[in-house]
């Protein structure tokens, strides 16, 4: 399953969700400020994937770091 970490008013976050729906891929969407906090998220990404996120969305698939929307598009297409 794909997890999309996103934020409000984010065009690429919306595009990532739409692409998953279009491709029939099951996903979970987590919203900044509601489902996770910035500082905790950054620490988790650094610890789990050796990545310091600087933009949204950040996408993970089955424990593997995918990247942002462009990388998701490559991954699914």
PDB file of N, CA and C in Angstrom:
ATOM      1  N   UNK A   1       0.846  -1.172   0.000  1.00  0.00           N
ATOM      2  CA  UNK A   1       0.000   0.000   0.000  1.00  0.00           C
ATOM      3  C   UNK A   1       0.896   1.241   0.000  1.00  0.00           C
ATOM      4  N   UNK A   2       0.419   2.268  -0.656  1.00  0.00           N
ATOM      5  CA  UNK A   2       1.130   3.538  -0.740  1.00  0.00           C
ATOM      6  C   UNK A   2       0.616   4.477   0.336  1.00  0.00           C
ATOM      7  N   UNK A   3       1.542   5.175   0.982  1.00  0.00           N
ATOM      8  CA  UNK A   3       1.184   6.222   1.933  1.00  0.00           C
ATOM      9  C   UNK A   3       1.646   7.547   1.360  1.00  0.00           C
ATOM     10  N   UNK A   4       0.710   8.482   1.271  1.00  0.00           N
ATOM     11  CA  UNK A   4       0.996   9.824   0.773  1.00  0.00           C
ATOM     12  C   UNK A   4       0.925  10.773   1.956  1.00  0.00           C
ATOM     13  N   UNK A   5       2.042  11.426   2.262  1.00  0.00           N
ATOM     14  CA  UNK A   5       2.083  12.441   3.305  1.00  0.00           C
ATOM     15  C   UNK A   5       1.931  13.782   2.604  1.00  0.00           C
ATOM     16  N   UNK A   6       0.875  14.514   2.935  1.00  0.00           N
ATOM     17  CA  UNK A   6       0.606  15.760   2.232  1.00  0.00           C
ATOM     18  C   UNK A   6       0.182  16.874   3.147  1.00  0.00           C
ATOM     19  N   UNK A   7      -0.164  18.005   2.522  1.00  0.00           N
ATOM     20  CA  UNK A   7      -0.614  19.181   3.273  1.00  0.00           C
ATOM     21  C   UNK A   7      -1.770  19.829   2.531  1.00  0.00           C
ATOM     22  N   UNK A   8      -2.475  20.700   3.234  1.00  0.00           N
ATOM     23  CA  UNK A   8      -3.589  21.438   2.632  1.00  0.00           C
ATOM     24  C   UNK A   8      -3.097  22.327   1.493  1.00  0.00           C
ATOM     25  N   UNK A   9      -3.969  22.537   0.519  1.00  0.00           N
ATOM     26  CA  UNK A   9      -3.704  23.441  -0.606  1.00  0.00           C
ATOM     27  C   UNK A   9      -2.447  23.074  -1.385  1.00  0.00           C
ATOM     28  N   UNK A  10      -2.228  21.790  -1.580  1.00  0.00           N
ATOM     29  CA  UNK A  10      -1.043  21.292  -2.282  1.00  0.00           C
ATOM     30  C   UNK A  10      -1.488  20.625  -3.585  1.00  0.00           C
ATOM     31  N   UNK A  11      -1.175  21.245  -4.689  1.00  0.00           N
ATOM     32  CA  UNK A  11      -1.566  20.730  -6.000  1.00  0.00           C
ATOM     33  C   UNK A  11      -0.990  19.346  -6.256  1.00  0.00           C
ATOM     34  N   UNK A  12       0.292  19.157  -5.945  1.00  0.00           N
ATOM     35  CA  UNK A  12       0.917  17.867  -6.207  1.00  0.00           C
ATOM     36  C   UNK A  12       0.374  16.772  -5.287  1.00  0.00           C
ATOM     37  N   UNK A  13      -0.037  17.145  -4.090  1.00  0.00           N
ATOM     38  CA  UNK A  13      -0.666  16.168  -3.182  1.00  0.00           C
ATOM     39  C   UNK A  13      -1.979  15.669  -3.795  1.00  0.00           C
ATOM     40  N   UNK A  14      -2.766  16.597  -4.307  1.00  0.00           N
ATOM     41  CA  UNK A  14      -4.033  16.232  -4.955  1.00  0.00           C
ATOM     42  C   UNK A  14      -3.786  15.391  -6.199  1.00  0.00           C
ATOM     43  N   UNK A  15      -2.759  15.732  -6.960  1.00  0.00           N
ATOM     44  CA  UNK A  15      -2.435  14.964  -8.162  1.00  0.00           C
ATOM     45  C   UNK A  15      -1.976  13.552  -7.808  1.00  0.00           C
ATOM     46  N   UNK A  16      -1.254  13.416  -6.716  1.00  0.00           N
ATOM     47  CA  UNK A  16      -0.797  12.089  -6.280  1.00  0.00           C
ATOM     48  C   UNK A  16      -1.989  11.211  -5.911  1.00  0.00           C
ATOM     49  N   UNK A  17      -2.951  11.771  -5.185  1.00  0.00           N
ATOM     50  CA  UNK A  17      -4.152  11.006  -4.832  1.00  0.00           C
ATOM     51  C   UNK A  17      -4.937  10.631  -6.086  1.00  0.00           C
ATOM     52  N   UNK A  18      -5.080  11.571  -7.004  1.00  0.00           N
ATOM     53  CA  UNK A  18      -5.829  11.319  -8.236  1.00  0.00           C
ATOM     54  C   UNK A  18      -5.150  10.236  -9.079  1.00  0.00           C
ATOM     55  N   UNK A  19      -3.824  10.258  -9.152  1.00  0.00           N
ATOM     56  CA  UNK A  19      -3.099   9.256  -9.927  1.00  0.00           C
ATOM     57  C   UNK A  19      -3.300   7.865  -9.326  1.00  0.00           C
ATOM     58  N   UNK A  20      -3.243   7.764  -8.011  1.00  0.00           N
ATOM     59  CA  UNK A  20      -3.474   6.464  -7.369  1.00  0.00           C
ATOM     60  C   UNK A  20      -4.882   5.959  -7.668  1.00  0.00           C
ATOM     61  N   UNK A  21      -5.852   6.848  -7.579  1.00  0.00           N
ATOM     62  CA  UNK A  21      -7.237   6.450  -7.883  1.00  0.00           C
ATOM     63  C   UNK A  21      -7.361   6.001  -9.331  1.00  0.00           C
ATOM     64  N   UNK A  22      -6.760   6.757 -10.243  1.00  0.00           N
ATOM     65  CA  UNK A  22      -6.817   6.442 -11.679  1.00  0.00           C
ATOM     66  C   UNK A  22      -6.196   5.077 -11.970  1.00  0.00           C
ATOM     67  N   UNK A  23      -5.101   4.761 -11.286  1.00  0.00           N
ATOM     68  CA  UNK A  23      -4.389   3.505 -11.522  1.00  0.00           C
ATOM     69  C   UNK A  23      -4.957   2.354 -10.691  1.00  0.00           C
ATOM     70  N   UNK A  24      -5.929   2.658  -9.823  1.00  0.00           N
ATOM     71  CA  UNK A  24      -6.520   1.616  -8.992  1.00  0.00           C
ATOM     72  C   UNK A  24      -5.602   1.131  -7.886  1.00  0.00           C
ATOM     73  N   UNK A  25      -4.723   2.020  -7.435  1.00  0.00           N
ATOM     74  CA  UNK A  25      -3.747   1.677  -6.403  1.00  0.00           C
ATOM     75  C   UNK A  25      -4.289   2.092  -5.038  1.00  0.00           C
ATOM     76  N   UNK A  26      -4.262   1.165  -4.100  1.00  0.00           N
ATOM     77  CA  UNK A  26      -4.724   1.465  -2.747  1.00  0.00           C
ATOM     78  C   UNK A  26      -3.717   2.397  -2.074  1.00  0.00           C
ATOM     79  N   UNK A  27      -4.233   3.443  -1.433  1.00  0.00           N
ATOM     80  CA  UNK A  27      -3.350   4.387  -0.762  1.00  0.00           C
ATOM     81  C   UNK A  27      -3.990   4.913   0.512  1.00  0.00           C
ATOM     82  N   UNK A  28      -3.126   5.424   1.359  1.00  0.00           N
ATOM     83  CA  UNK A  28      -3.537   6.083   2.587  1.00  0.00           C
ATOM     84  C   UNK A  28      -2.993   7.505   2.517  1.00  0.00           C
ATOM     85  N   UNK A  29      -3.825   8.483   2.828  1.00  0.00           N
ATOM     86  CA  UNK A  29      -3.406   9.879   2.785  1.00  0.00           C
ATOM     87  C   UNK A  29      -3.294  10.402   4.208  1.00  0.00           C
ATOM     88  N   UNK A  30      -2.137  10.942   4.544  1.00  0.00           N
ATOM     89  CA  UNK A  30      -1.918  11.508   5.873  1.00  0.00           C
ATOM     90  C   UNK A  30      -1.674  13.006   5.725  1.00  0.00           C
ATOM     91  N   UNK A  31      -2.413  13.766   6.515  1.00  0.00           N
ATOM     92  CA  UNK A  31      -2.417  15.226   6.409  1.00  0.00           C
ATOM     93  C   UNK A  31      -1.560  15.875   7.484  1.00  0.00           C
ATOM     94  N   UNK A  32      -0.655  16.762   7.069  1.00  0.00           N
ATOM     95  CA  UNK A  32       0.187  17.522   7.971  1.00  0.00           C
ATOM     96  C   UNK A  32      -0.677  18.334   8.934  1.00  0.00           C
ATOM     97  N   UNK A  33      -0.339  18.276  10.204  1.00  0.00           N
ATOM     98  CA  UNK A  33      -1.077  19.023  11.217  1.00  0.00           C
ATOM     99  C   UNK A  33      -2.244  18.258  11.805  1.00  0.00           C
ATOM    100  N   UNK A  34      -2.701  17.239  11.106  1.00  0.00           N
ATOM    101  CA  UNK A  34      -3.796  16.409  11.608  1.00  0.00           C
ATOM    102  C   UNK A  34      -3.284  15.015  11.961  1.00  0.00           C
ATOM    103  N   UNK A  35      -2.647  14.365  10.987  1.00  0.00           N
ATOM    104  CA  UNK A  35      -2.172  12.997  11.168  1.00  0.00           C
ATOM    105  C   UNK A  35      -0.704  12.919  11.581  1.00  0.00           C
ATOM    106  N   UNK A  36       0.037  13.975  11.349  1.00  0.00           N
ATOM    107  CA  UNK A  36       1.451  14.009  11.747  1.00  0.00           C
ATOM    108  C   UNK A  36       1.895  15.456  11.914  1.00  0.00           C
ATOM    109  N   UNK A  37       2.952  15.629  12.697  1.00  0.00           N
ATOM    110  CA  UNK A  37       3.537  16.945  12.938  1.00  0.00           C
ATOM    111  C   UNK A  37       4.870  17.037  12.200  1.00  0.00           C
ATOM    112  N   UNK A  38       5.184  18.214  11.724  1.00  0.00           N
ATOM    113  CA  UNK A  38       6.346  18.444  10.878  1.00  0.00           C
ATOM    114  C   UNK A  38       7.641  17.880  11.477  1.00  0.00           C
ATOM    115  N   UNK A  39       7.958  18.241  12.712  1.00  0.00           N
ATOM    116  CA  UNK A  39       9.226  17.862  13.320  1.00  0.00           C
ATOM    117  C   UNK A  39       9.345  16.343  13.478  1.00  0.00           C
ATOM    118  N   UNK A  40       8.270  15.718  13.923  1.00  0.00           N
ATOM    119  CA  UNK A  40       8.262  14.264  14.097  1.00  0.00           C
ATOM    120  C   UNK A  40       8.395  13.575  12.736  1.00  0.00           C
ATOM    121  N   UNK A  41       7.710  14.110  11.739  1.00  0.00           N
ATOM    122  CA  UNK A  41       7.765  13.552  10.384  1.00  0.00           C
ATOM    123  C   UNK A  41       9.178  13.619   9.815  1.00  0.00           C
ATOM    124  N   UNK A  42       9.813  14.771   9.951  1.00  0.00           N
ATOM    125  CA  UNK A  42      11.175  14.932   9.436  1.00  0.00           C
ATOM    126  C   UNK A  42      12.118  13.941  10.109  1.00  0.00           C
ATOM    127  N   UNK A  43      11.998  13.819  11.429  1.00  0.00           N
ATOM    128  CA  UNK A  43      12.853  12.875  12.162  1.00  0.00           C
ATOM    129  C   UNK A  43      12.611  11.442  11.692  1.00  0.00           C
ATOM    130  N   UNK A  44      11.351  11.077  11.482  1.00  0.00           N
ATOM    131  CA  UNK A  44      11.015   9.731  11.017  1.00  0.00           C
ATOM    132  C   UNK A  44      11.611   9.461   9.629  1.00  0.00           C
ATOM    133  N   UNK A  45      11.473  10.424   8.724  1.00  0.00           N
ATOM    134  CA  UNK A  45      11.983  10.255   7.361  1.00  0.00           C
ATOM    135  C   UNK A  45      13.512  10.137   7.361  1.00  0.00           C
ATOM    136  N   UNK A  46      14.160  10.925   8.214  1.00  0.00           N
ATOM    137  CA  UNK A  46      15.618  10.851   8.308  1.00  0.00           C
ATOM    138  C   UNK A  46      16.055   9.497   8.863  1.00  0.00           C
ATOM    139  N   UNK A  47      15.374   9.044   9.898  1.00  0.00           N
ATOM    140  CA  UNK A  47      15.737   7.776  10.530  1.00  0.00           C
ATOM    141  C   UNK A  47      15.428   6.573   9.641  1.00  0.00           C
ATOM    142  N   UNK A  48      14.236   6.549   9.058  1.00  0.00           N
ATOM    143  CA  UNK A  48      13.800   5.385   8.281  1.00  0.00           C
ATOM    144  C   UNK A  48      14.360   5.333   6.865  1.00  0.00           C
ATOM    145  N   UNK A  49      14.548   6.504   6.234  1.00  0.00           N
ATOM    146  CA  UNK A  49      14.915   6.518   4.817  1.00  0.00           C
ATOM    147  C   UNK A  49      16.143   7.376   4.486  1.00  0.00           C
ATOM    148  N   UNK A  50      16.771   7.980   5.497  1.00  0.00           N
ATOM    149  CA  UNK A  50      17.918   8.867   5.287  1.00  0.00           C
ATOM    150  C   UNK A  50      17.584   9.996   4.315  1.00  0.00           C
ATOM    151  N   UNK A  51      16.362  10.547   4.461  1.00  0.00           N
ATOM    152  CA  UNK A  51      15.859  11.623   3.601  1.00  0.00           C
ATOM    153  C   UNK A  51      15.379  12.768   4.487  1.00  0.00           C
ATOM    154  N   UNK A  52      15.715  13.995   4.096  1.00  0.00           N
ATOM    155  CA  UNK A  52      15.179  15.165   4.767  1.00  0.00           C
ATOM    156  C   UNK A  52      14.177  15.819   3.815  1.00  0.00           C
ATOM    157  N   UNK A  53      12.881  15.608   4.045  1.00  0.00           N
ATOM    158  CA  UNK A  53      11.874  16.148   3.126  1.00  0.00           C
ATOM    159  C   UNK A  53      11.824  17.672   3.167  1.00  0.00           C
ATOM    160  N   UNK A  54      11.742  18.256   1.970  1.00  0.00           N
ATOM    161  CA  UNK A  54      11.663  19.713   1.864  1.00  0.00           C
ATOM    162  C   UNK A  54      10.414  20.165   1.112  1.00  0.00           C
ATOM    163  N   UNK A  55       9.627  19.200   0.650  1.00  0.00           N
ATOM    164  CA  UNK A  55       8.411  19.533  -0.093  1.00  0.00           C
ATOM    165  C   UNK A  55       7.385  18.436   0.134  1.00  0.00           C
ATOM    166  N   UNK A  56       6.179  18.692  -0.300  1.00  0.00           N
ATOM    167  CA  UNK A  56       5.107  17.715  -0.203  1.00  0.00           C
ATOM    168  C   UNK A  56       4.563  17.476  -1.599  1.00  0.00           C
ATOM    169  N   UNK A  57       4.047  16.316  -1.877  1.00  0.00           N
ATOM    170  CA  UNK A  57       3.908  15.185  -0.979  1.00  0.00           C
ATOM    171  C   UNK A  57       5.210  14.415  -0.840  1.00  0.00           C
ATOM    172  N   UNK A  58       5.266  13.598   0.196  1.00  0.00           N
ATOM    173  CA  UNK A  58       6.315  12.610   0.375  1.00  0.00           C
ATOM    174  C   UNK A  58       5.603  11.264   0.349  1.00  0.00           C
ATOM    175  N   UNK A  59       6.111  10.338  -0.440  1.00  0.00           N
ATOM    176  CA  UNK A  59       5.371   9.104  -0.709  1.00  0.00           C
ATOM    177  C   UNK A  59       6.236   7.888  -0.389  1.00  0.00           C
ATOM    178  N   UNK A  60       5.600   6.941   0.313  1.00  0.00           N
ATOM    179  CA  UNK A  60       6.248   5.699   0.717  1.00  0.00           C
ATOM    180  C   UNK A  60       5.373   4.545   0.244  1.00  0.00           C
ATOM    181  N   UNK A  61       6.003   3.491  -0.228  1.00  0.00           N
ATOM    182  CA  UNK A  61       5.263   2.311  -0.680  1.00  0.00           C
ATOM    183  C   UNK A  61       5.841   1.064  -0.026  1.00  0.00           C
ATOM    184  N   UNK A  62       5.058   0.432   0.827  1.00  0.00           N
ATOM    185  CA  UNK A  62       5.489  -0.813   1.455  1.00  0.00           C
ATOM    186  C   UNK A  62       6.831  -0.722   2.153  1.00  0.00           C
ATOM    187  N   UNK A  63       7.091   0.383   2.824  1.00  0.00           N
ATOM    188  CA  UNK A  63       8.358   0.542   3.521  1.00  0.00           C
ATOM    189  C   UNK A  63       9.501   1.030   2.660  1.00  0.00           C
ATOM    190  N   UNK A  64       9.225   1.343   1.398  1.00  0.00           N
ATOM    191  CA  UNK A  64      10.237   1.864   0.479  1.00  0.00           C
ATOM    192  C   UNK A  64       9.911   3.311   0.138  1.00  0.00           C
ATOM    193  N   UNK A  65      10.909   4.182   0.251  1.00  0.00           N
ATOM    194  CA  UNK A  65      10.722   5.590  -0.076  1.00  0.00           C
ATOM    195  C   UNK A  65      10.609   5.765  -1.582  1.00  0.00           C
ATOM    196  N   UNK A  66       9.535   6.419  -2.030  1.00  0.00           N
ATOM    197  CA  UNK A  66       9.320   6.686  -3.460  1.00  0.00           C
ATOM    198  C   UNK A  66       9.826   8.082  -3.814  1.00  0.00           C
ATOM    199  N   UNK A  67       9.397   9.089  -3.052  1.00  0.00           N
ATOM    200  CA  UNK A  67       9.773  10.477  -3.325  1.00  0.00           C
ATOM    201  C   UNK A  67       8.539  11.344  -3.383  1.00  0.00           C
ATOM    202  N   UNK A  68       8.500  12.256  -4.345  1.00  0.00           N
ATOM    203  CA  UNK A  68       7.372  13.159  -4.525  1.00  0.00           C
ATOM    204  C   UNK A  68       6.454  12.688  -5.646  1.00  0.00           C
ATOM    205  N   UNK A  69       5.656  13.620  -6.165  1.00  0.00           N
ATOM    206  CA  UNK A  69       4.684  13.268  -7.204  1.00  0.00           C
ATOM    207  C   UNK A  69       5.358  12.748  -8.473  1.00  0.00           C
ATOM    208  N   UNK A  70       6.431  13.409  -8.916  1.00  0.00           N
ATOM    209  CA  UNK A  70       7.094  12.992 -10.158  1.00  0.00           C
ATOM    210  C   UNK A  70       7.601  11.554 -10.042  1.00  0.00           C
ATOM    211  N   UNK A  71       8.171  11.217  -8.885  1.00  0.00           N
ATOM    212  CA  UNK A  71       8.685   9.868  -8.676  1.00  0.00           C
ATOM    213  C   UNK A  71       7.548   8.849  -8.578  1.00  0.00           C
ATOM    214  N   UNK A  72       6.435   9.258  -7.980  1.00  0.00           N
ATOM    215  CA  UNK A  72       5.265   8.387  -7.928  1.00  0.00           C
ATOM    216  C   UNK A  72       4.756   8.091  -9.334  1.00  0.00           C
ATOM    217  N   UNK A  73       4.717   9.120 -10.149  1.00  0.00           N
ATOM    218  CA  UNK A  73       4.262   8.954 -11.535  1.00  0.00           C
ATOM    219  C   UNK A  73       5.146   7.953 -12.276  1.00  0.00           C
ATOM    220  N   UNK A  74       6.445   8.060 -12.101  1.00  0.00           N
ATOM    221  CA  UNK A  74       7.373   7.109 -12.731  1.00  0.00           C
ATOM    222  C   UNK A  74       7.158   5.711 -12.169  1.00  0.00           C
ATOM    223  N   UNK A  75       6.944   5.622 -10.885  1.00  0.00           N
ATOM    224  CA  UNK A  75       6.768   4.337 -10.201  1.00  0.00           C
ATOM    225  C   UNK A  75       5.518   3.608 -10.690  1.00  0.00           C
ATOM    226  N   UNK A  76       4.441   4.353 -10.952  1.00  0.00           N
ATOM    227  CA  UNK A  76       3.162   3.741 -11.322  1.00  0.00           C
ATOM    228  C   UNK A  76       2.951   3.598 -12.825  1.00  0.00           C
ATOM    229  N   UNK A  77       3.683   4.357 -13.619  1.00  0.00           N
ATOM    230  CA  UNK A  77       3.438   4.327 -15.064  1.00  0.00           C
ATOM    231  C   UNK A  77       4.442   3.503 -15.827  1.00  0.00           C
TER     232      UNK A  77
END
